[in-house]
Each structure stands twice: as structure tokens, then as C-alpha cells.
C-alpha atoms as a PDB file:
ATOM      1  CA  MET A   1       0.000   0.000   0.000  1.00  0.00           C
ATOM      2  CA  LYS A   2       0.990   3.598  -0.534  1.00  0.00           C
ATOM      3  CA  ALA A   3       1.182   6.269   2.156  1.00  0.00           C
ATOM      4  CA  LEU A   4      -2.144   7.823   1.092  1.00  0.00           C
ATOM      5  CA  GLN A   5      -3.926   4.462   1.315  1.00  0.00           C
ATOM      6  CA  TYR A   6      -2.629   3.952   4.848  1.00  0.00           C
ATOM      7  CA  ALA A   7      -3.907   7.395   5.826  1.00  0.00           C
ATOM      8  CA  GLN A   8      -7.304   6.882   4.184  1.00  0.00           C
ATOM      9  CA  LYS A   9      -7.875   3.624   6.041  1.00  0.00           C
ATOM     10  CA  VAL A  10      -7.520   5.272   9.468  1.00  0.00           C
ATOM     11  CA  ALA A  11      -8.931   8.740   8.755  1.00  0.00           C
ATOM     12  CA  ASP A  12     -12.194   7.961  10.581  1.00  0.00           C
ATOM     13  CA  LEU A  13     -10.383   6.321  13.499  1.00  0.00           C
ATOM     14  CA  PHE A  14      -8.296   9.476  13.906  1.00  0.00           C
ATOM     15  CA  ALA A  15     -11.339  11.749  13.784  1.00  0.00           C
ATOM     16  CA  LEU A  16     -11.060  14.821  15.982  1.00  0.00           C
ATOM     17  CA  PRO A  17     -13.704  15.294  18.697  1.00  0.00           C
ATOM     18  CA  GLU A  18     -16.755  17.307  17.612  1.00  0.00           C
ATOM     19  CA  GLY A  19     -15.948  20.216  19.908  1.00  0.00           C
ATOM     20  CA  TYR A  20     -12.601  20.803  18.226  1.00  0.00           C
ATOM     21  CA  LEU A  21     -14.210  20.822  14.791  1.00  0.00           C
ATOM     22  CA  ARG A  22     -16.799  23.328  15.991  1.00  0.00           C
ATOM     23  CA  VAL A  23     -14.033  25.640  17.230  1.00  0.00           C
ATOM     24  CA  LYS A  24     -12.401  25.482  13.793  1.00  0.00           C
ATOM     25  CA  GLN A  25     -15.696  26.317  12.071  1.00  0.00           C
ATOM     26  CA  LEU A  26     -16.179  29.356  14.265  1.00  0.00           C
ATOM     27  CA  MET A  27     -12.612  30.554  13.779  1.00  0.00           C
ATOM     28  CA  ASP A  28     -13.000  30.203  10.017  1.00  0.00           C
ATOM     29  CA  SER A  29     -16.255  32.159  10.143  1.00  0.00           C
ATOM     30  CA  GLU A  30     -16.251  35.877   9.400  1.00  0.00           C
ATOM     31  CA  THR A  31     -19.239  36.504  11.670  1.00  0.00           C
ATOM     32  CA  ALA A  32     -18.308  34.576  14.841  1.00  0.00           C
ATOM     33  CA  SER A  33     -17.209  36.696  17.790  1.00  0.00           C
ATOM     34  CA  LEU A  34     -14.541  35.932  20.401  1.00  0.00           C
ATOM     35  CA  ASP A  35     -17.354  35.266  22.861  1.00  0.00           C
ATOM     36  CA  ASP A  36     -18.844  32.660  20.508  1.00  0.00           C
ATOM     37  CA  ILE A  37     -15.507  30.856  20.252  1.00  0.00           C
ATOM     38  CA  ALA A  38     -14.827  31.084  23.978  1.00  0.00           C
ATOM     39  CA  GLU A  39     -18.281  29.711  24.745  1.00  0.00           C
ATOM     40  CA  VAL A  40     -17.691  26.569  22.657  1.00  0.00           C
ATOM     41  CA  ILE A  41     -14.262  25.962  24.203  1.00  0.00           C
ATOM     42  CA  ALA A  42     -15.695  26.450  27.697  1.00  0.00           C
ATOM     43  CA  LEU A  43     -18.193  23.629  27.078  1.00  0.00           C
ATOM     44  CA  ASP A  44     -15.243  21.217  27.272  1.00  0.00           C
ATOM     45  CA  PRO A  45     -13.684  21.532  30.751  1.00  0.00           C
ATOM     46  CA  VAL A  46     -10.703  19.337  29.865  1.00  0.00           C
ATOM     47  CA  LEU A  47      -9.923  21.411  26.788  1.00  0.00           C
ATOM     48  CA  THR A  48     -10.348  24.630  28.784  1.00  0.00           C
ATOM     49  CA  ALA A  49      -7.976  23.488  31.538  1.00  0.00           C
ATOM     50  CA  LYS A  50      -5.309  22.323  29.102  1.00  0.00           C
ATOM     51  CA  LEU A  51      -5.560  25.452  26.983  1.00  0.00           C
ATOM     52  CA  LEU A  52      -5.134  27.749  29.987  1.00  0.00           C
ATOM     53  CA  LYS A  53      -2.173  25.696  31.232  1.00  0.00           C
ATOM     54  CA  LEU A  54      -0.446  26.042  27.878  1.00  0.00           C
ATOM     55  CA  ALA A  55      -1.284  29.758  27.589  1.00  0.00           C
ATOM     56  CA  ASN A  56       0.420  30.337  30.951  1.00  0.00           C
ATOM     57  CA  SER A  57       3.435  28.155  30.194  1.00  0.00           C
ATOM     58  CA  ALA A  58       6.914  29.028  28.958  1.00  0.00           C
ATOM     59  CA  LEU A  59       5.612  28.227  25.501  1.00  0.00           C
ATOM     60  CA  PHE A  60       4.438  31.860  25.359  1.00  0.00           C
ATOM     61  CA  ASN A  61       6.336  33.339  28.319  1.00  0.00           C
ATOM     62  CA  LEU A  62       3.717  35.974  29.070  1.00  0.00           C
ATOM     63  CA  SER A  63       4.382  38.459  31.880  1.00  0.00           C
ATOM     64  CA  PHE A  64       0.872  38.037  33.297  1.00  0.00           C
ATOM     65  CA  GLN A  65      -1.637  35.278  34.024  1.00  0.00           C
ATOM     66  CA  VAL A  66      -4.298  34.266  31.515  1.00  0.00           C
ATOM     67  CA  GLU A  67      -7.323  33.325  33.609  1.00  0.00           C
ATOM     68  CA  SER A  68     -10.021  32.923  30.929  1.00  0.00           C
ATOM     69  CA  ILE A  69     -10.529  31.667  27.397  1.00  0.00           C
ATOM     70  CA  ASN A  70     -11.626  35.151  26.315  1.00  0.00           C
ATOM     71  CA  LYS A  71      -8.340  36.601  27.570  1.00  0.00           C
ATOM     72  CA  ALA A  72      -6.377  33.828  25.840  1.00  0.00           C
ATOM     73  CA  LEU A  73      -8.103  34.707  22.571  1.00  0.00           C
ATOM     74  CA  LEU A  74      -7.394  38.418  23.055  1.00  0.00           C
ATOM     75  CA  VAL A  75      -3.744  37.970  24.044  1.00  0.00           C
ATOM     76  CA  LEU A  76      -2.689  35.079  21.830  1.00  0.00           C
ATOM     77  CA  GLY A  77      -5.035  35.610  18.895  1.00  0.00           C
ATOM     78  CA  ASN A  78      -7.338  33.206  17.104  1.00  0.00           C
ATOM     79  CA  LYS A  79      -4.632  31.384  15.163  1.00  0.00           C
ATOM     80  CA  GLN A  80      -2.448  30.613  18.142  1.00  0.00           C
ATOM     81  CA  VAL A  81      -5.409  29.485  20.220  1.00  0.00           C
ATOM     82  CA  TYR A  82      -6.680  27.320  17.381  1.00  0.00           C
ATOM     83  CA  ASN A  83      -3.283  25.694  16.943  1.00  0.00           C
ATOM     84  CA  LEU A  84      -3.220  24.890  20.663  1.00  0.00           C
ATOM     85  CA  VAL A  85      -6.784  23.530  20.461  1.00  0.00           C
ATOM     86  CA  LEU A  86      -5.716  21.438  17.474  1.00  0.00           C
ATOM     87  CA  SER A  87      -2.701  19.969  19.269  1.00  0.00           C
ATOM     88  CA  ILE A  88      -4.818  19.146  22.333  1.00  0.00           C
ATOM     89  CA  GLY A  89      -7.521  17.587  20.145  1.00  0.00           C
ATOM     90  CA  ILE A  90      -5.050  15.427  18.259  1.00  0.00           C
ATOM     91  CA  SER A  91      -3.392  14.216  21.445  1.00  0.00           C
ATOM     92  CA  SER A  92      -6.860  13.359  22.761  1.00  0.00           C
ATOM     93  CA  ALA A  93      -7.723  11.410  19.605  1.00  0.00           C
ATOM     94  CA  CYS A  94      -4.400   9.554  19.683  1.00  0.00           C
ATOM     95  CA  SER A  95      -4.840   8.587  23.328  1.00  0.00           C
ATOM     96  CA  LYS A  96      -7.703   6.276  22.327  1.00  0.00           C
ATOM     97  CA  LEU A  97      -5.569   4.184  19.987  1.00  0.00           C
ATOM     98  CA  ASP A  98      -4.005   0.820  20.763  1.00  0.00           C
ATOM     99  CA  THR A  99      -0.302   1.625  21.043  1.00  0.00           C
ATOM    100  CA  SER A 100       0.818  -1.486  22.897  1.00  0.00           C
ATOM    101  CA  VAL A 101       3.393  -2.619  20.302  1.00  0.00           C
ATOM    102  CA  ILE A 102       5.362   0.631  20.123  1.00  0.00           C
ATOM    103  CA  ASP A 103       7.253   2.601  22.749  1.00  0.00           C
ATOM    104  CA  LEU A 104       4.622   5.239  23.514  1.00  0.00           C
ATOM    105  CA  GLU A 105       6.939   7.123  25.876  1.00  0.00           C
ATOM    106  CA  ARG A 106       9.456   7.539  23.118  1.00  0.00           C
ATOM    107  CA  PHE A 107       6.789   8.631  20.616  1.00  0.00           C
ATOM    108  CA  TRP A 108       5.357  11.401  22.821  1.00  0.00           C
ATOM    109  CA  GLU A 109       8.675  12.603  24.238  1.00  0.00           C
ATOM    110  CA  GLN A 110      10.185  12.936  20.798  1.00  0.00           C
ATOM    111  CA  SER A 111       7.064  14.637  19.399  1.00  0.00           C
ATOM    112  CA  ILE A 112       6.947  17.186  22.216  1.00  0.00           C
ATOM    113  CA  ASN A 113      10.703  17.787  22.054  1.00  0.00           C
ATOM    114  CA  ALA A 114      10.456  18.483  18.324  1.00  0.00           C
ATOM    115  CA  ALA A 115       7.532  20.851  18.957  1.00  0.00           C
ATOM    116  CA  LEU A 116       9.364  22.864  21.603  1.00  0.00           C
ATOM    117  CA  ILE A 117      12.624  22.968  19.658  1.00  0.00           C
ATOM    118  CA  ALA A 118      10.825  24.024  16.464  1.00  0.00           C
ATOM    119  CA  LYS A 119       9.049  26.892  18.214  1.00  0.00           C
ATOM    120  CA  TYR A 120      12.283  28.038  19.886  1.00  0.00           C
ATOM    121  CA  LEU A 121      14.192  27.963  16.581  1.00  0.00           C
ATOM    122  CA  ALA A 122      11.404  29.863  14.810  1.00  0.00           C
ATOM    123  CA  GLU A 123      11.692  32.571  17.461  1.00  0.00           C
ATOM    124  CA  CYS A 124      15.467  32.674  16.957  1.00  0.00           C
ATOM    125  CA  CYS A 125      14.910  33.070  13.216  1.00  0.00           C
ATOM    126  CA  ASP A 126      12.138  35.641  13.805  1.00  0.00           C
ATOM    127  CA  VAL A 127       9.695  33.649  11.657  1.00  0.00           C
ATOM    128  CA  LYS A 128       6.121  34.321  12.713  1.00  0.00           C
ATOM    129  CA  PRO A 129       3.677  33.019  13.716  1.00  0.00           C
ATOM    130  CA  THR A 130       5.855  30.626  15.713  1.00  0.00           C
ATOM    131  CA  ASP A 131       3.015  28.438  16.993  1.00  0.00           C
ATOM    132  CA  ARG A 132       2.618  26.693  13.642  1.00  0.00           C
ATOM    133  CA  PHE A 133       6.144  25.360  14.067  1.00  0.00           C
ATOM    134  CA  TYR A 134       5.121  23.992  17.447  1.00  0.00           C
ATOM    135  CA  VAL A 135       2.190  22.151  15.824  1.00  0.00           C
ATOM    136  CA  ALA A 136       4.327  20.860  12.937  1.00  0.00           C
ATOM    137  CA  GLY A 137       6.942  19.573  15.380  1.00  0.00           C
ATOM    138  CA  LEU A 138       4.291  17.908  17.511  1.00  0.00           C
ATOM    139  CA  LEU A 139       2.806  16.144  14.471  1.00  0.00           C
ATOM    140  CA  HIS A 140       6.041  15.350  12.651  1.00  0.00           C
ATOM    141  CA  ASN A 141       5.855  11.623  13.432  1.00  0.00           C
ATOM    142  CA  ILE A 142       2.098  11.027  13.504  1.00  0.00           C
ATOM    143  CA  GLY A 143       2.588   8.744  10.509  1.00  0.00           C
ATOM    144  CA  GLU A 144       3.904   6.165  12.972  1.00  0.00           C
ATOM    145  CA  LEU A 145       0.452   5.938  14.566  1.00  0.00           C
ATOM    146  CA  VAL A 146      -1.140   5.636  11.119  1.00  0.00           C
ATOM    147  CA  VAL A 147       1.080   2.675  10.250  1.00  0.00           C
ATOM    148  CA  LEU A 148       0.539   1.203  13.706  1.00  0.00           C
ATOM    149  CA  GLN A 149      -3.219   1.028  13.200  1.00  0.00           C
ATOM    150  CA  ASN A 150      -2.824  -0.498   9.728  1.00  0.00           C
ATOM    151  CA  ASP A 151      -0.084  -3.017  10.446  1.00  0.00           C
ATOM    152  CA  PRO A 152       1.243  -3.282  14.030  1.00  0.00           C
ATOM    153  CA  GLU A 153       3.959  -5.735  12.998  1.00  0.00           C
ATOM    154  CA  LEU A 154       5.432  -3.285  10.492  1.00  0.00           C
ATOM    155  CA  ALA A 155       5.311  -0.465  13.050  1.00  0.00           C
ATOM    156  CA  PHE A 156       7.083  -2.715  15.531  1.00  0.00           C
ATOM    157  CA  ARG A 157       9.822  -3.531  12.997  1.00  0.00           C
ATOM    158  CA  CYS A 158      10.285   0.155  12.163  1.00  0.00           C
ATOM    159  CA  GLN A 159      11.391   0.754  15.753  1.00  0.00           C
ATOM    160  CA  ALA A 160      14.545  -1.313  15.188  1.00  0.00           C
ATOM    161  CA  TYR A 161      16.660   1.593  13.941  1.00  0.00           C
ATOM    162  CA  ASP A 162      20.193   1.914  15.239  1.00  0.00           C
ATOM    163  CA  ALA A 163      23.316   4.040  14.960  1.00  0.00           C
ATOM    164  CA  ILE A 164      23.831   2.939  11.350  1.00  0.00           C
ATOM    165  CA  THR A 165      20.246   2.640  10.103  1.00  0.00           C
ATOM    166  CA  LEU A 166      18.409   5.929  10.600  1.00  0.00           C
ATOM    167  CA  PRO A 167      14.657   5.760  11.367  1.00  0.00           C
ATOM    168  CA  TRP A 168      13.449   7.176   8.044  1.00  0.00           C
ATOM    169  CA  LYS A 169      15.796   4.887   6.118  1.00  0.00           C
ATOM    170  CA  LEU A 170      14.373   1.863   7.928  1.00  0.00           C
ATOM    171  CA  GLN A 171      10.834   3.076   7.220  1.00  0.00           C
ATOM    172  CA  LEU A 172      11.618   3.290   3.519  1.00  0.00           C
ATOM    173  CA  ASP A 173      13.024  -0.230   3.551  1.00  0.00           C
ATOM    174  CA  GLU A 174      10.046  -1.692   5.428  1.00  0.00           C
ATOM    175  CA  LEU A 175       7.186   0.361   3.998  1.00  0.00           C
ATOM    176  CA  GLY A 176       8.337   1.972   0.786  1.00  0.00           C
ATOM    177  CA  PHE A 177       7.600   5.399   2.310  1.00  0.00           C
ATOM    178  CA  THR A 178       8.436   7.328   5.462  1.00  0.00           C
ATOM    179  CA  TYR A 179       6.300   8.245   8.452  1.00  0.00           C
ATOM    180  CA  ALA A 180       6.725  11.859   7.330  1.00  0.00           C
ATOM    181  CA  GLU A 181       5.013  11.162   4.011  1.00  0.00           C
ATOM    182  CA  CYS A 182       2.276   9.089   5.612  1.00  0.00           C
ATOM    183  CA  GLY A 183       1.586  11.640   8.326  1.00  0.00           C
ATOM    184  CA  ALA A 184       1.388  14.435   5.767  1.00  0.00           C
ATOM    185  CA  GLU A 185      -1.253  12.486   3.849  1.00  0.00           C
ATOM    186  CA  LEU A 186      -3.384  12.188   6.989  1.00  0.00           C
ATOM    187  CA  LEU A 187      -2.976  15.887   7.784  1.00  0.00           C
ATOM    188  CA  ASN A 188      -4.044  16.718   4.220  1.00  0.00           C
ATOM    189  CA  LEU A 189      -7.166  14.624   4.768  1.00  0.00           C
ATOM    190  CA  TRP A 190      -7.772  16.682   7.913  1.00  0.00           C
ATOM    191  CA  GLN A 191      -7.402  19.791   5.727  1.00  0.00           C
ATOM    192  CA  LEU A 192      -4.629  21.291   7.808  1.00  0.00           C
ATOM    193  CA  PRO A 193      -2.880  24.254   6.155  1.00  0.00           C
ATOM    194  CA  ASP A 194       0.056  23.690   3.818  1.00  0.00           C
ATOM    195  CA  THR A 195       2.223  25.825   6.096  1.00  0.00           C
ATOM    196  CA  ILE A 196       2.074  22.960   8.594  1.00  0.00           C
ATOM    197  CA  VAL A 197       1.807  19.953   6.280  1.00  0.00           C
ATOM    198  CA  GLU A 198       4.570  20.730   3.775  1.00  0.00           C
ATOM    199  CA  PRO A 199       7.442  21.070   6.292  1.00  0.00           C
ATOM    200  CA  ILE A 200       6.329  17.763   7.845  1.00  0.00           C
ATOM    201  CA  ALA A 201       6.270  16.013   4.479  1.00  0.00           C
ATOM    202  CA  LEU A 202       9.750  17.330   3.596  1.00  0.00           C
ATOM    203  CA  GLN A 203      11.386  16.975   7.012  1.00  0.00           C
ATOM    204  CA  ASN A 204      13.871  14.344   5.794  1.00  0.00           C
ATOM    205  CA  SER A 205      14.762  16.045   2.520  1.00  0.00           C
ATOM    206  CA  VAL A 206      18.390  17.073   2.088  1.00  0.00           C
ATOM    207  CA  LYS A 207      17.583  19.505  -0.718  1.00  0.00           C
ATOM    208  CA  PHE A 208      18.148  22.622   1.352  1.00  0.00           C
ATOM    209  CA  ASP A 209      16.762  25.878  -0.017  1.00  0.00           C
ATOM    210  CA  HIS A 210      17.214  29.238   1.715  1.00  0.00           C
ATOM    211  CA  LYS A 211      13.753  30.219   0.467  1.00  0.00           C
ATOM    212  CA  LYS A 212      12.103  27.390   2.423  1.00  0.00           C
ATOM    213  CA  ILE A 213      12.840  28.466   5.977  1.00  0.00           C
ATOM    214  CA  PRO A 214       9.903  26.552   7.571  1.00  0.00           C
ATOM    215  CA  GLN A 215      11.134  23.277   6.064  1.00  0.00           C
ATOM    216  CA  LEU A 216      14.667  23.943   7.315  1.00  0.00           C
ATOM    217  CA  ILE A 217      13.433  24.713  10.834  1.00  0.00           C
ATOM    218  CA  ILE A 218      11.347  21.524  11.050  1.00  0.00           C
ATOM    219  CA  HIS A 219      14.175  19.474   9.531  1.00  0.00           C
ATOM    220  CA  LEU A 220      16.564  20.797  12.165  1.00  0.00           C
ATOM    221  CA  ALA A 221      14.081  20.433  15.034  1.00  0.00           C
ATOM    222  CA  VAL A 222      13.293  16.818  14.148  1.00  0.00           C
ATOM    223  CA  LYS A 223      16.963  15.861  13.954  1.00  0.00           C
ATOM    224  CA  LEU A 224      17.747  17.584  17.251  1.00  0.00           C
ATOM    225  CA  ALA A 225      14.791  15.882  18.937  1.00  0.00           C
ATOM    226  CA  LEU A 226      15.984  12.490  17.658  1.00  0.00           C
ATOM    227  CA  ALA A 227      19.510  13.055  18.964  1.00  0.00           C
ATOM    228  CA  ASN A 228      18.124  14.286  22.273  1.00  0.00           C
ATOM    229  CA  GLN A 229      15.894  11.236  22.562  1.00  0.00           C
ATOM    230  CA  HIS A 230      18.651   8.754  21.716  1.00  0.00           C
ATOM    231  CA  PRO A 231      22.015  10.098  22.915  1.00  0.00           C
ATOM    232  CA  GLU A 232      23.253   6.518  23.038  1.00  0.00           C
ATOM    233  CA  LEU A 233      22.737   6.226  19.259  1.00  0.00           C
ATOM    234  CA  TYR A 234      23.158   9.644  17.713  1.00  0.00           C
ATOM    235  CA  GLN A 235      25.272  12.725  18.177  1.00  0.00           C
ATOM    236  CA  THR A 236      23.935  16.060  17.040  1.00  0.00           C
ATOM    237  CA  LYS A 237      26.989  16.744  14.891  1.00  0.00           C
ATOM    238  CA  HIS A 238      26.326  13.555  12.907  1.00  0.00           C
ATOM    239  CA  LEU A 239      22.655  14.338  12.213  1.00  0.00           C
ATOM    240  CA  ILE A 240      22.902  18.074  11.510  1.00  0.00           C
ATOM    241  CA  ASP A 241      24.289  19.466   8.270  1.00  0.00           C
ATOM    242  CA  PRO A 242      26.197  22.687   9.135  1.00  0.00           C
ATOM    243  CA  PHE A 243      24.782  24.177   5.936  1.00  0.00           C
ATOM    244  CA  VAL A 244      21.312  24.164   7.520  1.00  0.00           C
ATOM    245  CA  LEU A 245      22.586  26.244  10.440  1.00  0.00           C
ATOM    246  CA  GLU A 246      24.265  28.588   7.990  1.00  0.00           C
ATOM    247  CA  LEU A 247      21.074  29.050   5.961  1.00  0.00           C
ATOM    248  CA  LEU A 248      19.090  29.760   9.137  1.00  0.00           C
ATOM    249  CA  ASN A 249      21.837  32.002  10.528  1.00  0.00           C
ATOM    250  CA  LEU A 250      21.909  29.947  13.723  1.00  0.00           C
ATOM    251  CA  SER A 251      24.862  29.206  15.977  1.00  0.00           C
ATOM    252  CA  GLN A 252      25.755  26.159  18.050  1.00  0.00           C
ATOM    253  CA  SER A 253      24.743  28.229  21.052  1.00  0.00           C
ATOM    254  CA  ASP A 254      21.231  28.613  19.597  1.00  0.00           C
ATOM    255  CA  VAL A 255      21.047  24.844  19.126  1.00  0.00           C
ATOM    256  CA  LEU A 256      22.102  24.154  22.708  1.00  0.00           C
ATOM    257  CA  LYS A 257      19.596  26.674  24.053  1.00  0.00           C
ATOM    258  CA  ALA A 258      16.815  25.075  21.993  1.00  0.00           C
ATOM    259  CA  ILE A 259      17.644  21.664  23.453  1.00  0.00           C
ATOM    260  CA  ASP A 260      17.809  23.116  26.980  1.00  0.00           C
ATOM    261  CA  PHE A 261      14.383  24.695  26.444  1.00  0.00           C
ATOM    262  CA  CYS A 262      12.807  21.391  25.401  1.00  0.00           C
ATOM    263  CA  ASN A 263      14.457  19.526  28.283  1.00  0.00           C
ATOM    264  CA  THR A 264      13.207  22.124  30.754  1.00  0.00           C
ATOM    265  CA  GLU A 265       9.640  22.341  29.473  1.00  0.00           C
ATOM    266  CA  GLY A 266       9.154  18.872  27.987  1.00  0.00           C
ATOM    267  CA  LEU A 267       7.815  17.125  31.069  1.00  0.00           C
ATOM    268  CA  PHE A 268       5.287  19.887  31.695  1.00  0.00           C
ATOM    269  CA  MET A 269       4.059  19.680  28.094  1.00  0.00           C
ATOM    270  CA  LEU A 270       3.866  15.907  28.390  1.00  0.00           C
ATOM    271  CA  SER A 271       1.730  16.252  31.505  1.00  0.00           C
ATOM    272  CA  VAL A 272      -0.698  18.534  29.661  1.00  0.00           C
ATOM    273  CA  LEU A 273      -0.941  16.738  26.330  1.00  0.00           C
ATOM    274  CA  ASN A 274      -0.574  13.129  27.443  1.00  0.00           C
ATOM    275  CA  PRO A 275      -1.030  12.799  31.207  1.00  0.00           C
ATOM    276  CA  ARG A 276      -1.221   8.988  31.168  1.00  0.00           C
ATOM    277  CA  ILE A 277       2.423   8.940  30.047  1.00  0.00           C
ATOM    278  CA  SER A 278       3.681  11.650  32.396  1.00  0.00           C
ATOM    279  CA  THR A 279       2.361   9.829  35.479  1.00  0.00           C
ATOM    280  CA  ILE A 280       5.188   7.290  35.229  1.00  0.00           C
ATOM    281  CA  TYR A 281       7.820   9.974  36.020  1.00  0.00           C
END
């Protein structure tokens, strides 16, 4: 099967909760007010609690407390709030899947690390809005869950990467496509914007173009998250092409600070987005 066929087979299983879809409809509407949007979000107490936790986290580093959904919408703006709602909704949908044959800790840690690193790097590069990089980082490996639901044995085998065989190379050998390609197909079915989907689809490309800054940021964030997740297998200097840093005008100091940021905030993000995993720490 091709990547698109894998995604099509699980599109219904990965359906976002109705409340999240309603929020998107309102935010896309030209007539809906902030109060209308806030009212829908407030109907879901879990979503409300998680959204306020994230709004008050180091993810945005605000100098004041955000105590209500209305204030979050005013301060962060519709797009940033929607992207947070989307990430919470997707984590909620994924939590219902059978993930017993893969290392779920590793999946969520690496996803959250990539999200935090991507947002930090986007801020360093002054590319706005930075929250879309957070979402792209968070979803960069969702193709693994797509394959898992289609063929658990193949997903299990794709975990056997090592210092010589990189994850995406193993995926190509086992599947004929990468998790990046498969995940992008699912996100297209969800009608997510190209600004999020394209960098995910191209995260493993080594055709570096200074005009495609979002792709370069996600590429770098994913590689840094992988090295951070598996220090016993990979060193940053072996995964990162110095040319990427040059194109983004980033230094080694920026890279180290991005990793420190994800290590500092990662457990908190894990506790918000996937509390059943964070309880083991």
C-alpha cells in the first residue's frame, strides 16, 4: 500500500472530537465573535484546563496570568489558540488508539521535544507566527500511529533503527515510504494548512533551499529531537548538516539553548498533552 492508502484507512479512526471541529468552524467564520468561540471551548472543561495551562506556560512566556478563554483569545489571537486547540484535540484522539506494540513514551517525548525545539528555533529566526512550528513539530511523526493502526507488525519492525540505520531509512526499507510522508497524507485529509503539512512532508529532505525556511526549521528540530531522545545512538553533529545552520543564521549556542528549552519544558508539556504517560515519572 501507498502512504495515502494507509492514511485513508484510518482517517475515521483518527477523527477529531466534535468540539474541536466546531471551534475550527467558528474561527473560520467571518461573523463569529470571540465570545462565541470562547463559549464553545468552555463547554469542554478538559480542553479549557489544558488550553489555559499552555497559555500560561513558557511556551508563550507571558508576563501576566491568563485566567479565561476570552483573555487567551485576546492575548494570543485566534490562530495561536486554534493551533493549541488542534494539538490538544489530536493528542486526545491519539490517546484512544491501541499503542501497545510501540514505545509510547518515546513517541510522545520525541514529538513534544520536536515541537518545543521548532518553536524556539522559529523565534530565533524571527519567523512568525511561531506556533505553527510547534504544531508541525508535535505532528512530525504522527505517521507512525497511522502505520501502527494499519499493520502493528510493520510499526514494531520500524522501531529497530540503530546508529547505522536511521529511522526514516528503515521506514523506507520496510514500507516503501516514510512516516513523514504518511503523516502528511493524513494531515491533508484533515485539511490542515500547507504551512504545517509541507514542512512535515519534507522533514527528511536534504535539498536545502534558503527560500524554504519553515522546512529547514522543522528538519533541524526533528533531527535535534531524535539526537536528544537517543544520545546513546546519535550525536547532534552527525545528524545536523552545518549548511542548515548557515542558511538559518543559527549558531551552536542557539542549538544548545533550543535543546535546553525542550528539556526544561518537555515534562510539563507531556503532563498537559498526554497525562497517562507523564504519570510514570
